[in-house]
Amino acid sequence: MMPMNALPRARALLLAIALIASLVVAACDKPPGPPPKGPADVTVMTVTPRDTPISFQFVGQTQSSREVEIRARVDGFLEKRLYTEGDLVQVNQPLFQMDRKPFEAALQSAKGQLSQQQAALQVAEETLARVKPLAEQNALSKRDLDDSVGNVDKSRAAVFAAQGQVQTAELNLSYTTISSPLKGLSSSAKLQEGSYVSAANSLLTYVAQLDPMWVNFSVSENEQLRYRDSVQKDLLRLPRDNNFEVEVILADGTVYPNKGRISFADPSFSKETGTFLVRAVLANPKGQLKPGQFVKVLVQGALRPNGILVPQRAVQQGAKSHFVWVVGKDGKAEQRVVDVGAWNGDDWFINQGLRGGDQIVVDGAIRVAAGAPLKISPYQAPPPATAAALPKANEPTSIEKEQVTGQSAPRHTKAATPERIGAPSAPAAKEPAAPAPAMK
């Protein structure tokens, strides 16, 4: 017979055995865990330094290379407008007709004065012809001869003066027909028929020459200093003799077919804006460009030597810096900190952190972890951007945008405040953003 104090211990032992058995059964019923992960599928490109053409984008405005104010040269009443406002007018094409009658009368009067003086001259010359032989025979005094000679000279001077009055009257009459001195686009008429026109202050209209066309844009002092610093560090090479080529993009995104050259750079900065004016000249034989248009200006010809370009999506943003995933020697992912520069279309310039031959992850980087194995396939670069893919004119722009292909990156600007366009956290001073038309 079991002792009485042994019963509690036996019951506790049985409860422990039952609990262990239930845990074993529950563990057998639990589904198995996920299998270990395989290598991440990624696309990889090999870094290849190469000399890369760089263009600088600005917001510019077209200006007529020769804009002439059409004004009257004489006072009188405006009789008729002879052109259609806004039309393209030709050289010497009549634009306005003033009342000719007063000027015709003045010309007739001047011609009458000329005829009168010519008649007086003829009489004086005939008198001299009679007096001269008599004076030689001492039939007349020397004084009579001198008076006759003086009358002839006086009459000749009067004829010259009358001829000048006739020429003046003829000019004034010709000025009543106001013509265009050049071929260009006409403006609206400032005065209408019947108005009194004053030569001193009466503006009639404007005529703006269309070919060639000027395009003006501004370069800031900060930009000027940046590109000089980049040239000194051999991050930027300028064309010989600063012979930049200028391409214009219209408001609808189309590329203007004729390229131009920089023709003028203001030697001093504006005190109001801190920028200096740069002017390009473009041929405009078909009149596609009109004065006052806002356009995008691409200044081409600069070169970045041994530039390293990587797709933008290959660059990740860390807590303190940018980085990329690099394929290590063992085929596993390694994180590499990089110093990024300017955007170049869909790519990014890398200033530091990469070298030729490095393999970086482009697609699939979000699935990569440090030391993880990679399943690699080659990266296929997209075709070059075309003019149709350029940003539209109603998108925000800046005079400090740097590009190579001309395709803008996403950006935000404040009204009337130019801001640098590029990656939000990319250092703004890494790449120059202006041409060097006046660099010494």
Protein backbone atom coordinates (compact mmCIF):
# COMPACT_ATOMS: atom_id res chain seq x y z
CA MET A 1 0.00 0.00 0.00
CA MET A 2 1.39 3.44 -1.16
CA PRO A 3 2.10 5.93 1.57
CA MET A 4 -0.26 8.86 1.83
CA ASN A 5 2.42 11.51 1.21
CA ALA A 6 3.44 9.90 -2.11
CA LEU A 7 0.07 10.54 -3.79
CA PRO A 8 0.55 14.29 -4.46
CA ARG A 9 3.98 13.68 -5.99
CA ALA A 10 2.58 11.07 -8.35
CA ARG A 11 -0.21 13.32 -9.48
CA ALA A 12 2.23 16.18 -10.20
CA LEU A 13 4.41 13.82 -12.23
CA LEU A 14 1.44 12.70 -14.30
CA LEU A 15 0.39 16.32 -15.00
CA ALA A 16 3.93 17.19 -16.13
CA ILE A 17 4.03 14.20 -18.50
CA ALA A 18 0.63 15.21 -19.98
CA LEU A 19 1.76 18.81 -20.52
CA ILE A 20 4.95 17.74 -22.29
CA ALA A 21 2.96 15.42 -24.55
CA SER A 22 0.54 18.22 -25.52
CA LEU A 23 3.44 20.56 -26.43
CA VAL A 24 5.02 17.88 -28.59
CA VAL A 25 1.74 17.36 -30.46
CA ALA A 26 1.30 21.14 -30.98
CA ALA A 27 4.83 21.40 -32.33
CA CYS A 28 4.17 18.65 -34.83
CA ASP A 29 1.04 20.42 -36.07
CA LYS A 30 2.90 23.84 -36.73
CA PRO A 31 3.53 24.47 -40.49
CA PRO A 32 7.18 24.55 -41.61
CA GLY A 33 8.91 28.00 -41.97
CA PRO A 34 9.70 29.65 -45.36
CA PRO A 35 12.60 28.22 -47.27
CA PRO A 36 15.80 30.30 -47.32
CA LYS A 37 15.76 33.20 -49.88
CA GLY A 38 17.66 32.84 -53.16
CA PRO A 39 19.80 35.47 -54.95
CA ALA A 40 18.09 38.76 -55.84
CA ASP A 41 17.37 39.34 -59.55
CA VAL A 42 19.10 42.58 -60.59
CA THR A 43 20.37 44.31 -63.73
CA VAL A 44 23.95 45.45 -63.67
CA MET A 45 25.97 47.91 -65.74
CA THR A 46 29.72 48.36 -65.93
CA VAL A 47 31.00 51.86 -65.22
CA THR A 48 32.91 53.31 -68.18
CA PRO A 49 34.40 56.82 -67.93
CA ARG A 50 34.07 58.79 -71.16
CA ASP A 51 34.27 62.35 -72.40
CA THR A 52 30.69 63.59 -72.23
CA PRO A 53 29.31 66.64 -74.08
CA ILE A 54 27.52 69.02 -71.74
CA SER A 55 24.99 71.71 -72.56
CA PHE A 56 23.64 74.40 -70.28
CA GLN A 57 19.98 75.31 -70.27
CA PHE A 58 18.60 78.80 -69.71
CA VAL A 59 15.32 80.60 -70.13
CA GLY A 60 15.74 83.19 -72.87
CA GLN A 61 13.68 85.72 -74.75
CA THR A 62 13.86 86.61 -78.41
CA GLN A 63 14.56 90.15 -79.53
CA SER A 64 14.64 91.75 -82.94
CA SER A 65 18.18 92.38 -84.09
CA ARG A 66 17.03 95.74 -85.44
CA GLU A 67 13.86 97.45 -84.26
CA VAL A 68 13.18 100.84 -85.82
CA GLU A 69 10.80 103.52 -84.67
CA ILE A 70 8.84 104.93 -87.59
CA ARG A 71 8.45 108.68 -87.06
CA ALA A 72 7.49 111.62 -89.23
CA ARG A 73 10.24 114.00 -90.35
CA VAL A 74 7.93 116.93 -91.03
CA ASP A 75 4.87 118.40 -89.35
CA GLY A 76 1.49 117.94 -90.94
CA PHE A 77 -1.74 115.97 -91.03
CA LEU A 78 -1.75 112.19 -91.46
CA GLU A 79 -3.79 111.43 -94.56
CA LYS A 80 -3.69 107.63 -94.89
CA ARG A 81 -2.21 104.44 -93.50
CA LEU A 82 -0.80 102.37 -96.38
CA TYR A 83 0.03 99.05 -94.71
CA THR A 84 -1.82 96.31 -92.85
CA GLU A 85 -0.90 96.30 -89.19
CA GLY A 86 1.12 93.24 -88.21
CA ASP A 87 2.15 92.36 -91.77
CA LEU A 88 5.69 91.72 -92.92
CA VAL A 89 6.77 94.86 -94.75
CA GLN A 90 9.55 95.20 -97.31
CA VAL A 91 12.38 97.70 -97.63
CA ASN A 92 11.10 101.12 -98.86
CA GLN A 93 7.48 99.98 -98.66
CA PRO A 94 5.22 103.03 -97.97
CA LEU A 95 3.59 102.87 -94.56
CA PHE A 96 1.90 106.29 -94.13
CA GLN A 97 0.95 109.18 -96.38
CA MET A 98 0.79 112.73 -95.05
CA ASP A 99 -1.04 115.60 -96.71
CA ARG A 100 1.20 116.69 -99.62
CA LYS A 101 -0.52 119.93 -100.61
CA PRO A 102 1.29 122.35 -98.27
CA PHE A 103 4.65 120.85 -99.23
CA GLU A 104 3.89 120.97 -102.94
CA ALA A 105 3.05 124.65 -102.55
CA ALA A 106 6.27 125.26 -100.65
CA LEU A 107 8.23 123.53 -103.42
CA GLN A 108 6.57 125.62 -106.08
CA SER A 109 7.40 128.79 -104.16
CA ALA A 110 11.02 127.70 -103.78
CA LYS A 111 11.30 127.00 -107.48
CA GLY A 112 9.88 130.48 -108.20
CA GLN A 113 12.50 132.05 -105.96
CA LEU A 114 15.18 130.07 -107.78
CA SER A 115 13.95 131.28 -111.16
CA GLN A 116 13.95 134.87 -109.90
CA GLN A 117 17.52 134.64 -108.65
CA GLN A 118 18.68 132.96 -111.86
CA ALA A 119 17.18 135.86 -113.84
CA ALA A 120 18.95 138.38 -111.62
CA LEU A 121 22.21 136.54 -112.14
CA GLN A 122 21.77 136.66 -115.90
CA VAL A 123 21.20 140.44 -115.80
CA ALA A 124 24.26 140.92 -113.60
CA GLU A 125 26.45 138.86 -115.92
CA GLU A 126 25.24 140.80 -119.00
CA THR A 127 25.91 144.10 -117.23
CA LEU A 128 29.41 142.97 -116.36
CA ALA A 129 30.01 141.96 -119.95
CA ARG A 130 29.17 145.55 -121.09
CA VAL A 131 31.05 147.32 -118.30
CA LYS A 132 34.30 145.40 -118.53
CA PRO A 133 35.46 146.58 -122.03
CA LEU A 134 34.45 150.18 -121.24
CA ALA A 135 36.45 150.09 -118.07
CA GLU A 136 39.44 148.77 -119.97
CA GLN A 137 39.15 151.83 -122.30
CA ASN A 138 38.80 154.09 -119.25
CA ALA A 139 35.33 155.04 -120.39
CA LEU A 140 33.99 154.00 -116.98
CA SER A 141 35.56 154.23 -113.57
CA LYS A 142 37.14 151.33 -111.78
CA ARG A 143 34.38 151.54 -109.19
CA ASP A 144 31.71 150.78 -111.77
CA LEU A 145 33.60 147.66 -112.76
CA ASP A 146 33.91 146.53 -109.16
CA ASP A 147 30.18 147.08 -108.58
CA SER A 148 29.32 144.95 -111.61
CA VAL A 149 31.61 142.13 -110.48
CA GLY A 150 30.10 142.27 -106.99
CA ASN A 151 26.57 142.11 -108.36
CA VAL A 152 27.44 138.96 -110.31
CA ASP A 153 28.92 137.26 -107.25
CA LYS A 154 25.94 138.28 -105.13
CA SER A 155 23.49 136.93 -107.70
CA ARG A 156 25.35 133.62 -107.92
CA ALA A 157 25.18 133.23 -104.13
CA ALA A 158 21.47 133.99 -104.22
CA VAL A 159 21.02 131.29 -106.85
CA PHE A 160 22.88 128.76 -104.67
CA ALA A 161 20.63 129.65 -101.72
CA ALA A 162 17.51 129.33 -103.84
CA GLN A 163 18.68 125.94 -105.10
CA GLY A 164 19.08 124.84 -101.46
CA GLN A 165 15.54 125.97 -100.71
CA VAL A 166 14.27 123.93 -103.63
CA GLN A 167 16.16 120.84 -102.39
CA THR A 168 14.75 121.34 -98.90
CA ALA A 169 11.23 121.66 -100.26
CA GLU A 170 11.71 118.52 -102.38
CA LEU A 171 12.96 116.59 -99.33
CA ASN A 172 10.07 117.75 -97.19
CA LEU A 173 7.67 116.71 -99.91
CA SER A 174 9.29 113.28 -100.13
CA TYR A 175 9.04 112.94 -96.34
CA THR A 176 5.26 113.08 -96.60
CA THR A 177 5.44 109.46 -97.81
CA ILE A 178 6.78 107.54 -94.81
CA SER A 179 8.40 104.24 -95.83
CA SER A 180 10.01 101.32 -94.00
CA PRO A 181 13.83 101.41 -93.93
CA LEU A 182 14.06 97.64 -93.56
CA LYS A 183 12.29 94.33 -94.07
CA GLY A 184 10.51 93.33 -90.92
CA LEU A 185 7.36 92.77 -88.93
CA SER A 186 5.19 95.85 -88.55
CA SER A 187 3.50 96.93 -85.36
CA SER A 188 0.15 98.62 -84.85
CA ALA A 189 -0.32 102.23 -85.91
CA LYS A 190 -0.02 104.64 -82.99
CA LEU A 191 -1.83 107.47 -84.81
CA GLN A 192 -4.81 107.24 -87.13
CA GLU A 193 -5.86 109.16 -90.25
CA GLY A 194 -6.56 112.83 -89.65
CA SER A 195 -4.17 113.16 -86.72
CA TYR A 196 -1.70 116.00 -86.65
CA VAL A 197 1.82 114.63 -86.80
CA SER A 198 4.75 116.42 -85.20
CA ALA A 199 8.30 115.61 -86.19
CA ALA A 200 9.42 116.27 -82.63
CA ASN A 201 7.43 113.63 -80.73
CA SER A 202 5.02 111.70 -82.98
CA LEU A 203 5.71 107.94 -83.04
CA LEU A 204 3.76 106.23 -85.82
CA THR A 205 4.72 102.56 -85.47
CA TYR A 206 7.59 100.08 -85.13
CA VAL A 207 9.19 97.74 -87.65
CA ALA A 208 11.16 94.80 -86.22
CA GLN A 209 13.67 92.92 -88.34
CA LEU A 210 13.22 89.14 -88.06
CA ASP A 211 16.36 87.84 -89.75
CA PRO A 212 18.65 87.43 -87.91
CA MET A 213 17.02 87.11 -84.51
CA TRP A 214 18.63 87.75 -81.14
CA VAL A 215 18.04 85.52 -78.10
CA ASN A 216 18.93 87.05 -74.73
CA PHE A 217 19.51 85.11 -71.51
CA SER A 218 21.19 85.82 -68.18
CA VAL A 219 24.04 84.13 -66.31
CA SER A 220 24.29 84.62 -62.56
CA GLU A 221 27.45 85.44 -60.66
CA ASN A 222 27.27 82.13 -58.78
CA GLU A 223 27.13 80.23 -62.04
CA GLN A 224 30.09 82.15 -63.40
CA LEU A 225 32.16 81.27 -60.35
CA ARG A 226 31.10 77.62 -60.47
CA TYR A 227 32.12 76.99 -64.03
CA ARG A 228 35.46 78.74 -63.52
CA ASP A 229 36.12 76.50 -60.53
CA SER A 230 35.14 73.44 -62.58
CA VAL A 231 37.48 74.45 -65.39
CA GLN A 232 40.35 74.82 -62.94
CA LYS A 233 39.63 71.37 -61.50
CA ASP A 234 39.42 69.87 -65.02
CA LEU A 235 35.79 68.91 -64.46
CA LEU A 236 34.81 71.02 -67.44
CA ARG A 237 36.46 71.82 -70.74
CA LEU A 238 35.26 74.71 -72.85
CA PRO A 239 35.35 74.90 -76.65
CA ARG A 240 38.24 76.66 -78.30
CA ASP A 241 37.86 80.45 -78.29
CA ASN A 242 34.59 79.95 -76.35
CA ASN A 243 32.92 79.11 -79.64
CA PHE A 244 29.67 77.83 -78.15
CA GLU A 245 26.75 76.65 -80.26
CA VAL A 246 23.23 77.68 -79.28
CA GLU A 247 20.08 75.64 -79.80
CA VAL A 248 16.59 76.99 -79.12
CA ILE A 249 13.55 74.98 -77.95
CA LEU A 250 10.16 76.56 -78.61
CA ALA A 251 7.21 76.69 -76.24
CA ASP A 252 5.62 73.53 -77.67
CA GLY A 253 8.83 71.54 -77.13
CA THR A 254 9.96 71.53 -80.76
CA VAL A 255 13.58 72.27 -81.53
CA TYR A 256 14.17 75.31 -83.73
CA PRO A 257 16.04 74.02 -86.82
CA ASN A 258 18.70 76.75 -87.09
CA LYS A 259 21.46 76.85 -84.52
CA GLY A 260 23.27 80.04 -83.60
CA ARG A 261 26.33 81.45 -81.90
CA ILE A 262 26.96 83.70 -78.92
CA SER A 263 27.59 87.17 -80.30
CA PHE A 264 27.74 89.33 -77.16
CA ALA A 265 28.34 89.01 -73.43
CA ASP A 266 27.89 92.01 -71.19
CA PRO A 267 31.20 92.72 -69.44
CA SER A 268 29.54 93.87 -66.21
CA PHE A 269 26.93 92.40 -63.87
CA SER A 270 23.58 94.05 -63.36
CA LYS A 271 23.36 95.81 -60.01
CA GLU A 272 19.68 94.90 -59.72
CA THR A 273 19.78 91.19 -60.55
CA GLY A 274 23.39 90.10 -60.05
CA THR A 275 23.45 88.59 -63.55
CA PHE A 276 25.05 89.56 -66.81
CA LEU A 277 23.42 89.48 -70.20
CA VAL A 278 24.44 87.02 -72.91
CA ARG A 279 23.14 87.31 -76.44
CA ALA A 280 22.98 84.70 -79.18
CA VAL A 281 22.21 85.37 -82.83
CA LEU A 282 20.28 82.88 -85.01
CA ALA A 283 19.30 82.91 -88.64
CA ASN A 284 15.53 83.29 -89.03
CA PRO A 285 14.84 83.33 -92.79
CA LYS A 286 11.29 81.98 -92.50
CA GLY A 287 10.28 84.22 -89.62
CA GLN A 288 9.46 81.35 -87.25
CA LEU A 289 10.84 83.29 -84.32
CA LYS A 290 9.02 86.45 -83.34
CA PRO A 291 10.28 89.18 -80.97
CA GLY A 292 9.33 88.68 -77.34
CA GLN A 293 8.99 84.87 -77.33
CA PHE A 294 10.14 82.96 -74.25
CA VAL A 295 12.27 80.00 -75.28
CA LYS A 296 14.65 77.48 -73.77
CA VAL A 297 18.26 78.05 -74.72
CA LEU A 298 20.74 75.16 -74.83
CA VAL A 299 24.34 76.35 -74.93
CA GLN A 300 26.41 73.49 -76.34
CA GLY A 301 30.09 72.86 -76.85
CA ALA A 302 31.44 72.18 -73.35
CA LEU A 303 32.86 68.77 -72.42
CA ARG A 304 33.23 66.82 -69.19
CA PRO A 305 36.43 64.76 -69.47
CA ASN A 306 36.27 61.15 -68.22
CA GLY A 307 32.80 61.66 -66.88
CA ILE A 308 31.09 58.79 -65.05
CA LEU A 309 27.36 58.56 -65.73
CA VAL A 310 24.95 56.19 -64.01
CA PRO A 311 21.14 55.96 -64.27
CA GLN A 312 19.36 58.02 -61.65
CA ARG A 313 17.46 55.04 -60.27
CA ALA A 314 20.76 53.31 -59.49
CA VAL A 315 21.58 55.98 -56.90
CA GLN A 316 19.95 55.54 -53.49
CA GLN A 317 19.50 58.17 -50.79
CA GLY A 318 20.82 57.22 -47.38
CA ALA A 319 20.54 59.00 -44.07
CA LYS A 320 23.72 61.01 -44.63
CA SER A 321 24.76 60.48 -48.23
CA HIS A 322 24.00 58.90 -51.58
CA PHE A 323 25.12 55.37 -52.32
CA VAL A 324 24.98 52.65 -54.96
CA TRP A 325 25.12 48.88 -54.79
CA VAL A 326 28.31 47.45 -56.28
CA VAL A 327 28.87 43.83 -57.27
CA GLY A 328 31.81 42.52 -55.23
CA LYS A 329 34.42 40.02 -56.36
CA ASP A 330 32.47 37.19 -54.79
CA GLY A 331 29.27 38.20 -56.62
CA LYS A 332 27.70 39.66 -53.51
CA ALA A 333 26.33 43.17 -53.00
CA GLU A 334 28.48 45.90 -51.48
CA GLN A 335 27.28 49.38 -50.55
CA ARG A 336 29.39 52.22 -51.97
CA VAL A 337 29.02 55.87 -50.91
CA VAL A 338 29.18 58.27 -53.89
CA ASP A 339 29.38 62.02 -54.41
CA VAL A 340 26.83 63.00 -57.04
CA GLY A 341 27.01 65.92 -59.45
CA ALA A 342 24.61 67.32 -62.01
CA TRP A 343 21.82 65.50 -63.78
CA ASN A 344 22.37 64.56 -67.38
CA GLY A 345 19.01 63.65 -68.86
CA ASP A 346 18.07 60.38 -67.10
CA ASP A 347 21.60 59.89 -65.75
CA TRP A 348 23.66 61.32 -62.95
CA PHE A 349 27.27 62.42 -62.96
CA ILE A 350 29.28 60.75 -60.18
CA ASN A 351 32.11 62.96 -58.94
CA GLN A 352 33.64 60.50 -56.48
CA GLY A 353 33.11 56.93 -55.31
CA LEU A 354 33.18 54.99 -58.59
CA ARG A 355 35.89 54.14 -61.08
CA GLY A 356 36.06 52.45 -64.44
CA GLY A 357 35.22 48.75 -64.38
CA ASP A 358 32.95 48.86 -61.32
CA GLN A 359 29.68 46.97 -61.74
CA ILE A 360 26.68 48.69 -60.18
CA VAL A 361 23.09 47.52 -59.64
CA VAL A 362 20.54 49.48 -61.68
CA ASP A 363 17.21 47.64 -61.44
CA GLY A 364 16.20 45.63 -58.39
CA ALA A 365 18.30 47.61 -55.91
CA ILE A 366 15.39 47.76 -53.45
CA ARG A 367 15.66 43.97 -52.93
CA VAL A 368 19.42 44.09 -52.28
CA ALA A 369 21.06 43.87 -48.87
CA ALA A 370 24.71 44.10 -47.95
CA GLY A 371 26.46 40.77 -48.51
CA ALA A 372 23.44 39.25 -50.31
CA PRO A 373 24.08 37.05 -53.37
CA LEU A 374 22.95 38.48 -56.70
CA LYS A 375 21.47 36.98 -59.85
CA ILE A 376 22.88 39.28 -62.51
CA SER A 377 21.57 40.22 -65.95
CA PRO A 378 22.98 43.03 -68.14
CA TYR A 379 21.33 46.45 -68.04
CA GLN A 380 19.85 47.70 -71.33
CA ALA A 381 20.08 51.47 -71.69
CA PRO A 382 16.96 53.21 -73.11
CA PRO A 383 17.17 54.97 -76.49
CA PRO A 384 18.30 58.62 -76.45
CA ALA A 385 15.63 61.21 -75.70
CA THR A 386 14.13 62.98 -78.69
CA ALA A 387 12.91 66.55 -79.03
CA ALA A 388 9.33 65.37 -78.48
CA ALA A 389 10.33 64.17 -75.01
CA LEU A 390 11.59 67.56 -73.95
CA PRO A 391 9.71 69.40 -71.22
CA LYS A 392 6.86 71.64 -72.25
CA ALA A 393 7.05 75.38 -71.86
CA ASN A 394 4.37 75.48 -69.17
CA GLU A 395 6.48 73.33 -66.86
CA PRO A 396 8.62 75.15 -64.29
CA THR A 397 12.05 76.07 -65.61
CA SER A 398 15.19 77.76 -64.31
CA ILE A 399 18.13 79.64 -65.75
CA GLU A 400 20.43 77.43 -63.68
CA LYS A 401 19.50 74.00 -65.13
CA GLU A 402 22.36 71.83 -66.38
CA GLN A 403 21.72 69.24 -69.08
CA VAL A 404 23.34 67.25 -71.79
CA THR A 405 20.45 65.73 -73.67
CA GLY A 406 18.02 68.55 -72.99
CA GLN A 407 15.52 66.37 -71.10
CA SER A 408 14.49 68.04 -67.88
CA ALA A 409 14.31 66.30 -64.56
CA PRO A 410 11.41 66.76 -62.12
CA ARG A 411 11.71 70.13 -60.47
CA HIS A 412 9.94 72.81 -58.44
CA THR A 413 10.50 76.53 -58.71
CA LYS A 414 9.09 79.60 -57.00
CA ALA A 415 7.53 82.31 -59.08
CA ALA A 416 10.03 84.90 -60.28
CA THR A 417 12.81 83.19 -58.28
CA PRO A 418 15.22 81.06 -60.34
CA GLU A 419 16.32 77.95 -58.47
CA ARG A 420 18.79 75.26 -59.34
CA ILE A 421 17.15 72.21 -60.83
CA GLY A 422 18.46 68.78 -59.99
CA ALA A 423 18.27 66.16 -57.27
CA PRO A 424 16.88 67.67 -54.08
CA SER A 425 19.87 66.67 -52.00
CA ALA A 426 22.56 66.84 -54.65
CA PRO A 427 25.22 69.48 -53.93
CA ALA A 428 24.37 72.46 -56.09
CA ALA A 429 27.94 73.59 -56.60
CA LYS A 430 29.30 70.33 -57.95
CA GLU A 431 28.75 71.10 -61.62
CA PRO A 432 28.91 74.41 -63.47
CA ALA A 433 25.61 75.61 -64.86
CA ALA A 434 26.66 78.31 -67.27
CA PRO A 435 28.63 78.74 -70.46
CA ALA A 436 31.82 80.73 -70.51
CA PRO A 437 31.32 83.26 -73.26
CA ALA A 438 33.67 85.76 -71.67
CA MET A 439 36.07 83.58 -69.74
CA LYS A 440 39.68 84.72 -69.57
